[in-house]
């Protein structure tokens, strides 16, 4: 019995992708459907999935810090759009890029001497 190349390579979804999807797709769903709670559910699922990876591959301390960053990015997008007056998609894009970048640097980037997961 052989395994697929993806299984052998040990691929996984980086938590930074879940952060980006949670923020951007959550906004898109809320805006597209007009149901903010549905967008919030997408946001929550992205965050919970990422948090599970952070705890599993790093630590609770990393998960708490990045979780605060994730929620802070959500709040900052609202501040930038409603308070500062940026276009909604621009605000969401800026915080998504920043949060996903920090998440990659802290949780997903392989460390020196560490085998890729």
PDB file of N, CA and C in Angstrom:
ATOM      1  N   UNK A   1       0.844  -1.169   0.000  1.00  0.00           N
ATOM      2  CA  UNK A   1       0.000   0.000   0.000  1.00  0.00           C
ATOM      3  C   UNK A   1       0.893   1.236   0.000  1.00  0.00           C
ATOM      4  N   UNK A   2       0.628   2.170  -0.891  1.00  0.00           N
ATOM      5  CA  UNK A   2       1.425   3.393  -0.963  1.00  0.00           C
ATOM      6  C   UNK A   2       0.588   4.576  -0.501  1.00  0.00           C
ATOM      7  N   UNK A   3       1.284   5.573  -0.028  1.00  0.00           N
ATOM      8  CA  UNK A   3       0.582   6.786   0.385  1.00  0.00           C
ATOM      9  C   UNK A   3       0.772   7.859  -0.676  1.00  0.00           C
ATOM     10  N   UNK A   4      -0.111   8.827  -0.655  1.00  0.00           N
ATOM     11  CA  UNK A   4      -0.022   9.890  -1.661  1.00  0.00           C
ATOM     12  C   UNK A   4       1.178  10.782  -1.367  1.00  0.00           C
ATOM     13  N   UNK A   5       1.657  11.488  -2.368  1.00  0.00           N
ATOM     14  CA  UNK A   5       2.790  12.406  -2.154  1.00  0.00           C
ATOM     15  C   UNK A   5       2.488  13.470  -1.097  1.00  0.00           C
ATOM     16  N   UNK A   6       1.235  13.910  -1.019  1.00  0.00           N
ATOM     17  CA  UNK A   6       0.894  14.916  -0.020  1.00  0.00           C
ATOM     18  C   UNK A   6       1.018  14.362   1.396  1.00  0.00           C
ATOM     19  N   UNK A   7       0.612  13.123   1.581  1.00  0.00           N
ATOM     20  CA  UNK A   7       0.720  12.510   2.899  1.00  0.00           C
ATOM     21  C   UNK A   7       2.181  12.301   3.265  1.00  0.00           C
ATOM     22  N   UNK A   8       2.977  11.821   2.328  1.00  0.00           N
ATOM     23  CA  UNK A   8       4.395  11.598   2.598  1.00  0.00           C
ATOM     24  C   UNK A   8       5.114  12.892   2.917  1.00  0.00           C
ATOM     25  N   UNK A   9       4.720  13.965   2.271  1.00  0.00           N
ATOM     26  CA  UNK A   9       5.382  15.243   2.501  1.00  0.00           C
ATOM     27  C   UNK A   9       5.004  15.843   3.847  1.00  0.00           C
ATOM     28  N   UNK A  10       3.964  15.324   4.475  1.00  0.00           N
ATOM     29  CA  UNK A  10       3.562  15.840   5.782  1.00  0.00           C
ATOM     30  C   UNK A  10       2.981  17.245   5.686  1.00  0.00           C
ATOM     31  N   UNK A  11       2.270  17.513   4.613  1.00  0.00           N
ATOM     32  CA  UNK A  11       1.727  18.856   4.426  1.00  0.00           C
ATOM     33  C   UNK A  11       0.635  19.133   5.439  1.00  0.00           C
ATOM     34  N   UNK A  12       0.489  20.421   5.746  1.00  0.00           N
ATOM     35  CA  UNK A  12      -0.591  20.886   6.617  1.00  0.00           C
ATOM     36  C   UNK A  12      -0.905  22.320   6.245  1.00  0.00           C
ATOM     37  N   UNK A  13      -2.037  22.755   6.654  1.00  0.00           N
ATOM     38  CA  UNK A  13      -2.428  24.134   6.390  1.00  0.00           C
ATOM     39  C   UNK A  13      -1.736  25.023   7.420  1.00  0.00           C
ATOM     40  N   UNK A  14      -0.986  26.029   6.986  1.00  0.00           N
ATOM     41  CA  UNK A  14      -0.360  26.938   7.955  1.00  0.00           C
ATOM     42  C   UNK A  14      -1.433  27.742   8.687  1.00  0.00           C
ATOM     43  N   UNK A  15      -1.202  28.026   9.947  1.00  0.00           N
ATOM     44  CA  UNK A  15      -2.175  28.784  10.721  1.00  0.00           C
ATOM     45  C   UNK A  15      -2.360  30.185  10.165  1.00  0.00           C
ATOM     46  N   UNK A  16      -1.349  30.729   9.496  1.00  0.00           N
ATOM     47  CA  UNK A  16      -1.482  32.055   8.896  1.00  0.00           C
ATOM     48  C   UNK A  16      -2.573  32.070   7.826  1.00  0.00           C
ATOM     49  N   UNK A  17      -2.759  30.959   7.128  1.00  0.00           N
ATOM     50  CA  UNK A  17      -3.830  30.867   6.129  1.00  0.00           C
ATOM     51  C   UNK A  17      -5.184  30.913   6.826  1.00  0.00           C
ATOM     52  N   UNK A  18      -5.320  30.215   7.946  1.00  0.00           N
ATOM     53  CA  UNK A  18      -6.580  30.241   8.689  1.00  0.00           C
ATOM     54  C   UNK A  18      -6.878  31.631   9.225  1.00  0.00           C
ATOM     55  N   UNK A  19      -5.846  32.342   9.653  1.00  0.00           N
ATOM     56  CA  UNK A  19      -6.019  33.723  10.118  1.00  0.00           C
ATOM     57  C   UNK A  19      -6.513  34.594   8.964  1.00  0.00           C
ATOM     58  N   UNK A  20      -5.877  34.481   7.811  1.00  0.00           N
ATOM     59  CA  UNK A  20      -6.263  35.289   6.654  1.00  0.00           C
ATOM     60  C   UNK A  20      -7.684  34.959   6.200  1.00  0.00           C
ATOM     61  N   UNK A  21      -8.008  33.684   6.146  1.00  0.00           N
ATOM     62  CA  UNK A  21      -9.348  33.281   5.732  1.00  0.00           C
ATOM     63  C   UNK A  21     -10.389  33.725   6.758  1.00  0.00           C
ATOM     64  N   UNK A  22     -10.081  33.565   8.029  1.00  0.00           N
ATOM     65  CA  UNK A  22     -11.032  33.977   9.064  1.00  0.00           C
ATOM     66  C   UNK A  22     -11.369  35.451   8.995  1.00  0.00           C
ATOM     67  N   UNK A  23     -10.351  36.280   8.817  1.00  0.00           N
ATOM     68  CA  UNK A  23     -10.581  37.725   8.753  1.00  0.00           C
ATOM     69  C   UNK A  23     -11.239  38.137   7.431  1.00  0.00           C
ATOM     70  N   UNK A  24     -10.661  37.759   6.310  1.00  0.00           N
ATOM     71  CA  UNK A  24     -11.156  38.213   5.004  1.00  0.00           C
ATOM     72  C   UNK A  24     -12.476  37.547   4.624  1.00  0.00           C
ATOM     73  N   UNK A  25     -12.550  36.227   4.759  1.00  0.00           N
ATOM     74  CA  UNK A  25     -13.791  35.533   4.387  1.00  0.00           C
ATOM     75  C   UNK A  25     -14.909  35.853   5.374  1.00  0.00           C
ATOM     76  N   UNK A  26     -14.562  36.041   6.630  1.00  0.00           N
ATOM     77  CA  UNK A  26     -15.588  36.432   7.596  1.00  0.00           C
ATOM     78  C   UNK A  26     -16.221  37.754   7.203  1.00  0.00           C
ATOM     79  N   UNK A  27     -15.398  38.713   6.820  1.00  0.00           N
ATOM     80  CA  UNK A  27     -15.922  40.007   6.360  1.00  0.00           C
ATOM     81  C   UNK A  27     -16.732  39.831   5.084  1.00  0.00           C
ATOM     82  N   UNK A  28     -16.210  39.058   4.132  1.00  0.00           N
ATOM     83  CA  UNK A  28     -16.906  38.870   2.858  1.00  0.00           C
ATOM     84  C   UNK A  28     -18.272  38.227   3.056  1.00  0.00           C
ATOM     85  N   UNK A  29     -18.343  37.235   3.916  1.00  0.00           N
ATOM     86  CA  UNK A  29     -19.618  36.565   4.182  1.00  0.00           C
ATOM     87  C   UNK A  29     -20.598  37.529   4.853  1.00  0.00           C
ATOM     88  N   UNK A  30     -20.123  38.290   5.832  1.00  0.00           N
ATOM     89  CA  UNK A  30     -20.997  39.245   6.516  1.00  0.00           C
ATOM     90  C   UNK A  30     -21.503  40.299   5.537  1.00  0.00           C
ATOM     91  N   UNK A  31     -20.622  40.802   4.703  1.00  0.00           N
ATOM     92  CA  UNK A  31     -21.010  41.840   3.748  1.00  0.00           C
ATOM     93  C   UNK A  31     -21.888  41.275   2.629  1.00  0.00           C
ATOM     94  N   UNK A  32     -21.539  40.106   2.137  1.00  0.00           N
ATOM     95  CA  UNK A  32     -22.283  39.514   1.022  1.00  0.00           C
ATOM     96  C   UNK A  32     -23.671  39.039   1.383  1.00  0.00           C
ATOM     97  N   UNK A  33     -23.822  38.493   2.587  1.00  0.00           N
ATOM     98  CA  UNK A  33     -25.127  37.970   2.990  1.00  0.00           C
ATOM     99  C   UNK A  33     -25.945  38.992   3.764  1.00  0.00           C
ATOM    100  N   UNK A  34     -25.272  39.979   4.340  1.00  0.00           N
ATOM    101  CA  UNK A  34     -25.971  40.925   5.200  1.00  0.00           C
ATOM    102  C   UNK A  34     -26.232  40.372   6.588  1.00  0.00           C
ATOM    103  N   UNK A  35     -25.715  39.183   6.868  1.00  0.00           N
ATOM    104  CA  UNK A  35     -25.896  38.541   8.171  1.00  0.00           C
ATOM    105  C   UNK A  35     -24.558  38.587   8.900  1.00  0.00           C
ATOM    106  N   UNK A  36     -24.434  39.553   9.811  1.00  0.00           N
ATOM    107  CA  UNK A  36     -23.166  39.727  10.513  1.00  0.00           C
ATOM    108  C   UNK A  36     -22.796  38.507  11.356  1.00  0.00           C
ATOM    109  N   UNK A  37     -23.809  37.850  11.905  1.00  0.00           N
ATOM    110  CA  UNK A  37     -23.536  36.666  12.727  1.00  0.00           C
ATOM    111  C   UNK A  37     -22.919  35.537  11.906  1.00  0.00           C
ATOM    112  N   UNK A  38     -23.303  35.417  10.660  1.00  0.00           N
ATOM    113  CA  UNK A  38     -22.725  34.390   9.797  1.00  0.00           C
ATOM    114  C   UNK A  38     -21.255  34.702   9.515  1.00  0.00           C
ATOM    115  N   UNK A  39     -20.956  35.972   9.250  1.00  0.00           N
ATOM    116  CA  UNK A  39     -19.560  36.379   9.094  1.00  0.00           C
ATOM    117  C   UNK A  39     -18.773  36.161  10.374  1.00  0.00           C
ATOM    118  N   UNK A  40     -19.411  36.425  11.515  1.00  0.00           N
ATOM    119  CA  UNK A  40     -18.769  36.182  12.809  1.00  0.00           C
ATOM    120  C   UNK A  40     -18.474  34.711  13.037  1.00  0.00           C
ATOM    121  N   UNK A  41     -19.342  33.846  12.539  1.00  0.00           N
ATOM    122  CA  UNK A  41     -19.114  32.405  12.669  1.00  0.00           C
ATOM    123  C   UNK A  41     -17.900  31.977  11.844  1.00  0.00           C
ATOM    124  N   UNK A  42     -17.762  32.528  10.648  1.00  0.00           N
ATOM    125  CA  UNK A  42     -16.590  32.230   9.811  1.00  0.00           C
ATOM    126  C   UNK A  42     -15.323  32.733  10.508  1.00  0.00           C
ATOM    127  N   UNK A  43     -15.395  33.951  11.046  1.00  0.00           N
ATOM    128  CA  UNK A  43     -14.275  34.529  11.792  1.00  0.00           C
ATOM    129  C   UNK A  43     -13.901  33.633  12.975  1.00  0.00           C
ATOM    130  N   UNK A  44     -14.897  33.193  13.730  1.00  0.00           N
ATOM    131  CA  UNK A  44     -14.653  32.348  14.906  1.00  0.00           C
ATOM    132  C   UNK A  44     -14.051  30.998  14.510  1.00  0.00           C
ATOM    133  N   UNK A  45     -14.559  30.396  13.454  1.00  0.00           N
ATOM    134  CA  UNK A  45     -14.019  29.099  13.019  1.00  0.00           C
ATOM    135  C   UNK A  45     -12.572  29.215  12.560  1.00  0.00           C
ATOM    136  N   UNK A  46     -12.251  30.284  11.842  1.00  0.00           N
ATOM    137  CA  UNK A  46     -10.859  30.507  11.430  1.00  0.00           C
ATOM    138  C   UNK A  46      -9.955  30.666  12.640  1.00  0.00           C
ATOM    139  N   UNK A  47     -10.399  31.436  13.613  1.00  0.00           N
ATOM    140  CA  UNK A  47      -9.614  31.646  14.827  1.00  0.00           C
ATOM    141  C   UNK A  47      -9.453  30.386  15.657  1.00  0.00           C
ATOM    142  N   UNK A  48     -10.524  29.617  15.793  1.00  0.00           N
ATOM    143  CA  UNK A  48     -10.436  28.370  16.566  1.00  0.00           C
ATOM    144  C   UNK A  48      -9.525  27.354  15.894  1.00  0.00           C
ATOM    145  N   UNK A  49      -9.607  27.262  14.570  1.00  0.00           N
ATOM    146  CA  UNK A  49      -8.717  26.351  13.847  1.00  0.00           C
ATOM    147  C   UNK A  49      -7.258  26.750  14.005  1.00  0.00           C
ATOM    148  N   UNK A  50      -6.994  28.048  13.883  1.00  0.00           N
ATOM    149  CA  UNK A  50      -5.624  28.530  14.049  1.00  0.00           C
ATOM    150  C   UNK A  50      -5.145  28.303  15.481  1.00  0.00           C
ATOM    151  N   UNK A  51      -5.999  28.581  16.453  1.00  0.00           N
ATOM    152  CA  UNK A  51      -5.622  28.392  17.861  1.00  0.00           C
ATOM    153  C   UNK A  51      -5.287  26.936  18.153  1.00  0.00           C
ATOM    154  N   UNK A  52      -6.037  26.027  17.564  1.00  0.00           N
ATOM    155  CA  UNK A  52      -5.761  24.601  17.774  1.00  0.00           C
ATOM    156  C   UNK A  52      -4.354  24.276  17.260  1.00  0.00           C
ATOM    157  N   UNK A  53      -4.000  24.830  16.092  1.00  0.00           N
ATOM    158  CA  UNK A  53      -2.651  24.597  15.560  1.00  0.00           C
ATOM    159  C   UNK A  53      -1.589  25.250  16.434  1.00  0.00           C
ATOM    160  N   UNK A  54      -1.851  26.452  16.941  1.00  0.00           N
ATOM    161  CA  UNK A  54      -0.872  27.134  17.788  1.00  0.00           C
ATOM    162  C   UNK A  54      -0.584  26.341  19.055  1.00  0.00           C
ATOM    163  N   UNK A  55      -1.614  25.840  19.685  1.00  0.00           N
ATOM    164  CA  UNK A  55      -1.424  25.052  20.912  1.00  0.00           C
ATOM    165  C   UNK A  55      -0.700  23.751  20.576  1.00  0.00           C
ATOM    166  N   UNK A  56      -1.102  23.116  19.488  1.00  0.00           N
ATOM    167  CA  UNK A  56      -0.531  21.818  19.114  1.00  0.00           C
ATOM    168  C   UNK A  56       0.941  21.914  18.719  1.00  0.00           C
ATOM    169  N   UNK A  57       1.305  22.972  17.982  1.00  0.00           N
ATOM    170  CA  UNK A  57       2.662  23.056  17.427  1.00  0.00           C
ATOM    171  C   UNK A  57       3.580  24.017  18.160  1.00  0.00           C
ATOM    172  N   UNK A  58       3.041  24.918  18.937  1.00  0.00           N
ATOM    173  CA  UNK A  58       3.875  25.874  19.681  1.00  0.00           C
ATOM    174  C   UNK A  58       3.591  25.763  21.178  1.00  0.00           C
ATOM    175  N   UNK A  59       2.731  26.612  21.705  1.00  0.00           N
ATOM    176  CA  UNK A  59       2.431  26.556  23.148  1.00  0.00           C
ATOM    177  C   UNK A  59       1.163  27.355  23.425  1.00  0.00           C
ATOM    178  N   UNK A  60       0.674  27.220  24.648  1.00  0.00           N
ATOM    179  CA  UNK A  60      -0.487  28.005  25.070  1.00  0.00           C
ATOM    180  C   UNK A  60      -0.154  29.492  25.066  1.00  0.00           C
ATOM    181  N   UNK A  61       1.063  29.848  25.451  1.00  0.00           N
ATOM    182  CA  UNK A  61       1.448  31.264  25.479  1.00  0.00           C
ATOM    183  C   UNK A  61       1.392  31.859  24.075  1.00  0.00           C
ATOM    184  N   UNK A  62       1.890  31.129  23.094  1.00  0.00           N
ATOM    185  CA  UNK A  62       1.831  31.590  21.708  1.00  0.00           C
ATOM    186  C   UNK A  62       0.375  31.690  21.262  1.00  0.00           C
ATOM    187  N   UNK A  63      -0.426  30.698  21.612  1.00  0.00           N
ATOM    188  CA  UNK A  63      -1.840  30.708  21.229  1.00  0.00           C
ATOM    189  C   UNK A  63      -2.572  31.907  21.832  1.00  0.00           C
ATOM    190  N   UNK A  64      -2.306  32.225  23.072  1.00  0.00           N
ATOM    191  CA  UNK A  64      -2.968  33.370  23.706  1.00  0.00           C
ATOM    192  C   UNK A  64      -2.520  34.684  23.066  1.00  0.00           C
ATOM    193  N   UNK A  65      -1.238  34.814  22.798  1.00  0.00           N
ATOM    194  CA  UNK A  65      -0.737  36.032  22.171  1.00  0.00           C
ATOM    195  C   UNK A  65      -1.268  36.231  20.761  1.00  0.00           C
ATOM    196  N   UNK A  66      -1.225  35.171  19.971  1.00  0.00           N
ATOM    197  CA  UNK A  66      -1.726  35.282  18.595  1.00  0.00           C
ATOM    198  C   UNK A  66      -3.249  35.398  18.560  1.00  0.00           C
ATOM    199  N   UNK A  67      -3.917  34.801  19.529  1.00  0.00           N
ATOM    200  CA  UNK A  67      -5.369  34.975  19.629  1.00  0.00           C
ATOM    201  C   UNK A  67      -5.731  36.421  19.912  1.00  0.00           C
ATOM    202  N   UNK A  68      -4.959  37.063  20.780  1.00  0.00           N
ATOM    203  CA  UNK A  68      -5.179  38.488  21.063  1.00  0.00           C
ATOM    204  C   UNK A  68      -4.904  39.321  19.811  1.00  0.00           C
ATOM    205  N   UNK A  69      -3.872  38.959  19.063  1.00  0.00           N
ATOM    206  CA  UNK A  69      -3.576  39.653  17.812  1.00  0.00           C
ATOM    207  C   UNK A  69      -4.726  39.494  16.825  1.00  0.00           C
ATOM    208  N   UNK A  70      -5.278  38.302  16.716  1.00  0.00           N
ATOM    209  CA  UNK A  70      -6.373  38.008  15.782  1.00  0.00           C
ATOM    210  C   UNK A  70      -7.605  38.854  16.117  1.00  0.00           C
ATOM    211  N   UNK A  71      -7.964  38.880  17.382  1.00  0.00           N
ATOM    212  CA  UNK A  71      -9.119  39.679  17.804  1.00  0.00           C
ATOM    213  C   UNK A  71      -8.809  41.165  17.662  1.00  0.00           C
ATOM    214  N   UNK A  72      -7.580  41.553  17.993  1.00  0.00           N
ATOM    215  CA  UNK A  72      -7.176  42.945  17.833  1.00  0.00           C
ATOM    216  C   UNK A  72      -7.230  43.392  16.381  1.00  0.00           C
ATOM    217  N   UNK A  73      -6.876  42.514  15.450  1.00  0.00           N
ATOM    218  CA  UNK A  73      -6.948  42.846  14.024  1.00  0.00           C
ATOM    219  C   UNK A  73      -8.401  43.082  13.606  1.00  0.00           C
ATOM    220  N   UNK A  74      -9.295  42.272  14.120  1.00  0.00           N
ATOM    221  CA  UNK A  74     -10.730  42.435  13.846  1.00  0.00           C
ATOM    222  C   UNK A  74     -11.213  43.799  14.327  1.00  0.00           C
ATOM    223  N   UNK A  75     -10.834  44.153  15.541  1.00  0.00           N
ATOM    224  CA  UNK A  75     -11.229  45.447  16.115  1.00  0.00           C
ATOM    225  C   UNK A  75     -10.588  46.591  15.327  1.00  0.00           C
ATOM    226  N   UNK A  76      -9.306  46.455  15.007  1.00  0.00           N
ATOM    227  CA  UNK A  76      -8.601  47.509  14.273  1.00  0.00           C
ATOM    228  C   UNK A  76      -9.214  47.747  12.895  1.00  0.00           C
ATOM    229  N   UNK A  77      -9.677  46.696  12.240  1.00  0.00           N
ATOM    230  CA  UNK A  77     -10.327  46.869  10.939  1.00  0.00           C
ATOM    231  C   UNK A  77     -11.563  47.753  11.083  1.00  0.00           C
ATOM    232  N   UNK A  78     -12.314  47.551  12.161  1.00  0.00           N
ATOM    233  CA  UNK A  78     -13.487  48.387  12.410  1.00  0.00           C
ATOM    234  C   UNK A  78     -13.082  49.835  12.696  1.00  0.00           C
ATOM    235  N   UNK A  79     -12.049  50.004  13.483  1.00  0.00           N
ATOM    236  CA  UNK A  79     -11.572  51.358  13.808  1.00  0.00           C
ATOM    237  C   UNK A  79     -11.105  52.076  12.546  1.00  0.00           C
ATOM    238  N   UNK A  80     -10.344  51.371  11.722  1.00  0.00           N
ATOM    239  CA  UNK A  80      -9.840  51.985  10.492  1.00  0.00           C
ATOM    240  C   UNK A  80     -10.983  52.339   9.537  1.00  0.00           C
ATOM    241  N   UNK A  81     -11.987  51.479   9.445  1.00  0.00           N
ATOM    242  CA  UNK A  81     -13.086  51.725   8.512  1.00  0.00           C
ATOM    243  C   UNK A  81     -14.069  52.762   9.058  1.00  0.00           C
ATOM    244  N   UNK A  82     -14.487  52.597  10.292  1.00  0.00           N
ATOM    245  CA  UNK A  82     -15.524  53.466  10.847  1.00  0.00           C
ATOM    246  C   UNK A  82     -14.954  54.748  11.449  1.00  0.00           C
ATOM    247  N   UNK A  83     -13.825  54.635  12.107  1.00  0.00           N
ATOM    248  CA  UNK A  83     -13.249  55.791  12.784  1.00  0.00           C
ATOM    249  C   UNK A  83     -12.386  56.653  11.902  1.00  0.00           C
ATOM    250  N   UNK A  84     -11.511  56.020  11.120  1.00  0.00           N
ATOM    251  CA  UNK A  84     -10.571  56.755  10.285  1.00  0.00           C
ATOM    252  C   UNK A  84     -11.181  57.065   8.919  1.00  0.00           C
ATOM    253  N   UNK A  85     -12.069  56.217   8.457  1.00  0.00           N
ATOM    254  CA  UNK A  85     -12.731  56.451   7.184  1.00  0.00           C
ATOM    255  C   UNK A  85     -12.144  55.720   5.998  1.00  0.00           C
ATOM    256  N   UNK A  86     -11.275  54.733   6.248  1.00  0.00           N
ATOM    257  CA  UNK A  86     -10.761  53.930   5.135  1.00  0.00           C
ATOM    258  C   UNK A  86     -11.892  53.098   4.544  1.00  0.00           C
ATOM    259  N   UNK A  87     -11.748  52.760   3.284  1.00  0.00           N
ATOM    260  CA  UNK A  87     -12.707  51.837   2.672  1.00  0.00           C
ATOM    261  C   UNK A  87     -12.663  50.519   3.434  1.00  0.00           C
ATOM    262  N   UNK A  88     -13.814  49.893   3.586  1.00  0.00           N
ATOM    263  CA  UNK A  88     -13.908  48.672   4.388  1.00  0.00           C
ATOM    264  C   UNK A  88     -12.945  47.588   3.928  1.00  0.00           C
ATOM    265  N   UNK A  89     -12.915  47.317   2.617  1.00  0.00           N
ATOM    266  CA  UNK A  89     -12.036  46.265   2.119  1.00  0.00           C
ATOM    267  C   UNK A  89     -10.567  46.609   2.299  1.00  0.00           C
ATOM    268  N   UNK A  90     -10.231  47.894   2.200  1.00  0.00           N
ATOM    269  CA  UNK A  90      -8.848  48.299   2.438  1.00  0.00           C
ATOM    270  C   UNK A  90      -8.462  48.047   3.891  1.00  0.00           C
ATOM    271  N   UNK A  91      -9.333  48.404   4.814  1.00  0.00           N
ATOM    272  CA  UNK A  91      -9.060  48.188   6.233  1.00  0.00           C
ATOM    273  C   UNK A  91      -8.899  46.701   6.535  1.00  0.00           C
ATOM    274  N   UNK A  92      -9.808  45.886   6.013  1.00  0.00           N
ATOM    275  CA  UNK A  92      -9.737  44.441   6.244  1.00  0.00           C
ATOM    276  C   UNK A  92      -8.475  43.870   5.609  1.00  0.00           C
ATOM    277  N   UNK A  93      -8.130  44.321   4.422  1.00  0.00           N
ATOM    278  CA  UNK A  93      -6.926  43.825   3.750  1.00  0.00           C
ATOM    279  C   UNK A  93      -5.659  44.158   4.536  1.00  0.00           C
ATOM    280  N   UNK A  94      -5.567  45.376   5.024  1.00  0.00           N
ATOM    281  CA  UNK A  94      -4.379  45.784   5.782  1.00  0.00           C
ATOM    282  C   UNK A  94      -4.202  44.955   7.053  1.00  0.00           C
ATOM    283  N   UNK A  95      -5.266  44.797   7.824  1.00  0.00           N
ATOM    284  CA  UNK A  95      -5.120  44.040   9.079  1.00  0.00           C
ATOM    285  C   UNK A  95      -4.924  42.562   8.799  1.00  0.00           C
ATOM    286  N   UNK A  96      -5.502  42.057   7.715  1.00  0.00           N
ATOM    287  CA  UNK A  96      -5.328  40.642   7.374  1.00  0.00           C
ATOM    288  C   UNK A  96      -3.883  40.353   6.998  1.00  0.00           C
ATOM    289  N   UNK A  97      -3.299  41.208   6.180  1.00  0.00           N
ATOM    290  CA  UNK A  97      -1.893  41.023   5.786  1.00  0.00           C
ATOM    291  C   UNK A  97      -0.982  41.096   7.010  1.00  0.00           C
ATOM    292  N   UNK A  98      -1.224  42.067   7.869  1.00  0.00           N
ATOM    293  CA  UNK A  98      -0.392  42.220   9.068  1.00  0.00           C
ATOM    294  C   UNK A  98      -0.535  41.024  10.007  1.00  0.00           C
ATOM    295  N   UNK A  99      -1.767  40.622  10.290  1.00  0.00           N
ATOM    296  CA  UNK A  99      -1.994  39.514  11.230  1.00  0.00           C
ATOM    297  C   UNK A  99      -1.458  38.197  10.674  1.00  0.00           C
ATOM    298  N   UNK A 100      -1.674  37.947   9.396  1.00  0.00           N
ATOM    299  CA  UNK A 100      -1.172  36.707   8.799  1.00  0.00           C
ATOM    300  C   UNK A 100       0.356  36.702   8.755  1.00  0.00           C
ATOM    301  N   UNK A 101       0.959  37.851   8.484  1.00  0.00           N
ATOM    302  CA  UNK A 101       2.420  37.937   8.466  1.00  0.00           C
ATOM    303  C   UNK A 101       3.040  37.672   9.822  1.00  0.00           C
ATOM    304  N   UNK A 102       2.482  38.286  10.854  1.00  0.00           N
ATOM    305  CA  UNK A 102       2.991  38.051  12.212  1.00  0.00           C
ATOM    306  C   UNK A 102       2.766  36.597  12.604  1.00  0.00           C
ATOM    307  N   UNK A 103       1.609  36.062  12.263  1.00  0.00           N
ATOM    308  CA  UNK A 103       1.315  34.657  12.586  1.00  0.00           C
ATOM    309  C   UNK A 103       2.311  33.728  11.925  1.00  0.00           C
ATOM    310  N   UNK A 104       2.625  33.974  10.659  1.00  0.00           N
ATOM    311  CA  UNK A 104       3.611  33.138   9.980  1.00  0.00           C
ATOM    312  C   UNK A 104       4.965  33.219  10.686  1.00  0.00           C
ATOM    313  N   UNK A 105       5.385  34.443  10.994  1.00  0.00           N
ATOM    314  CA  UNK A 105       6.698  34.634  11.623  1.00  0.00           C
ATOM    315  C   UNK A 105       6.790  33.965  12.990  1.00  0.00           C
ATOM    316  N   UNK A 106       5.715  34.014  13.746  1.00  0.00           N
ATOM    317  CA  UNK A 106       5.741  33.485  15.114  1.00  0.00           C
ATOM    318  C   UNK A 106       5.438  31.989  15.162  1.00  0.00           C
ATOM    319  N   UNK A 107       4.468  31.535  14.372  1.00  0.00           N
ATOM    320  CA  UNK A 107       3.984  30.167  14.554  1.00  0.00           C
ATOM    321  C   UNK A 107       4.285  29.203  13.416  1.00  0.00           C
ATOM    322  N   UNK A 108       4.411  29.686  12.199  1.00  0.00           N
ATOM    323  CA  UNK A 108       4.496  28.768  11.059  1.00  0.00           C
ATOM    324  C   UNK A 108       5.879  28.615  10.453  1.00  0.00           C
ATOM    325  N   UNK A 109       6.703  29.635  10.563  1.00  0.00           N
ATOM    326  CA  UNK A 109       8.029  29.577   9.947  1.00  0.00           C
ATOM    327  C   UNK A 109       8.873  28.515  10.660  1.00  0.00           C
ATOM    328  N   UNK A 110       9.525  27.629   9.908  1.00  0.00           N
ATOM    329  CA  UNK A 110      10.386  26.634  10.557  1.00  0.00           C
ATOM    330  C   UNK A 110      11.538  27.314  11.300  1.00  0.00           C
ATOM    331  N   UNK A 111      11.844  26.825  12.463  1.00  0.00           N
ATOM    332  CA  UNK A 111      12.949  27.355  13.264  1.00  0.00           C
ATOM    333  C   UNK A 111      14.248  26.701  12.831  1.00  0.00           C
ATOM    334  N   UNK A 112      15.364  27.324  13.177  1.00  0.00           N
ATOM    335  CA  UNK A 112      16.676  26.759  12.852  1.00  0.00           C
ATOM    336  C   UNK A 112      16.812  25.377  13.489  1.00  0.00           C
ATOM    337  N   UNK A 113      17.198  24.411  12.696  1.00  0.00           N
ATOM    338  CA  UNK A 113      17.380  23.067  13.213  1.00  0.00           C
ATOM    339  C   UNK A 113      16.093  22.253  13.324  1.00  0.00           C
ATOM    340  N   UNK A 114      14.959  22.857  12.970  1.00  0.00           N
ATOM    341  CA  UNK A 114      13.681  22.174  13.077  1.00  0.00           C
ATOM    342  C   UNK A 114      13.314  21.592  11.722  1.00  0.00           C
ATOM    343  N   UNK A 115      12.824  20.367  11.707  1.00  0.00           N
ATOM    344  CA  UNK A 115      12.367  19.753  10.475  1.00  0.00           C
ATOM    345  C   UNK A 115      11.047  20.370  10.083  1.00  0.00           C
ATOM    346  N   UNK A 116      10.830  20.611   8.800  1.00  0.00           N
ATOM    347  CA  UNK A 116       9.532  21.146   8.360  1.00  0.00           C
ATOM    348  C   UNK A 116       8.431  20.166   8.684  1.00  0.00           C
ATOM    349  N   UNK A 117       7.275  20.721   9.040  1.00  0.00           N
ATOM    350  CA  UNK A 117       6.140  19.861   9.365  1.00  0.00           C
ATOM    351  C   UNK A 117       5.349  19.567   8.142  1.00  0.00           C
TER     352      UNK A 117
END
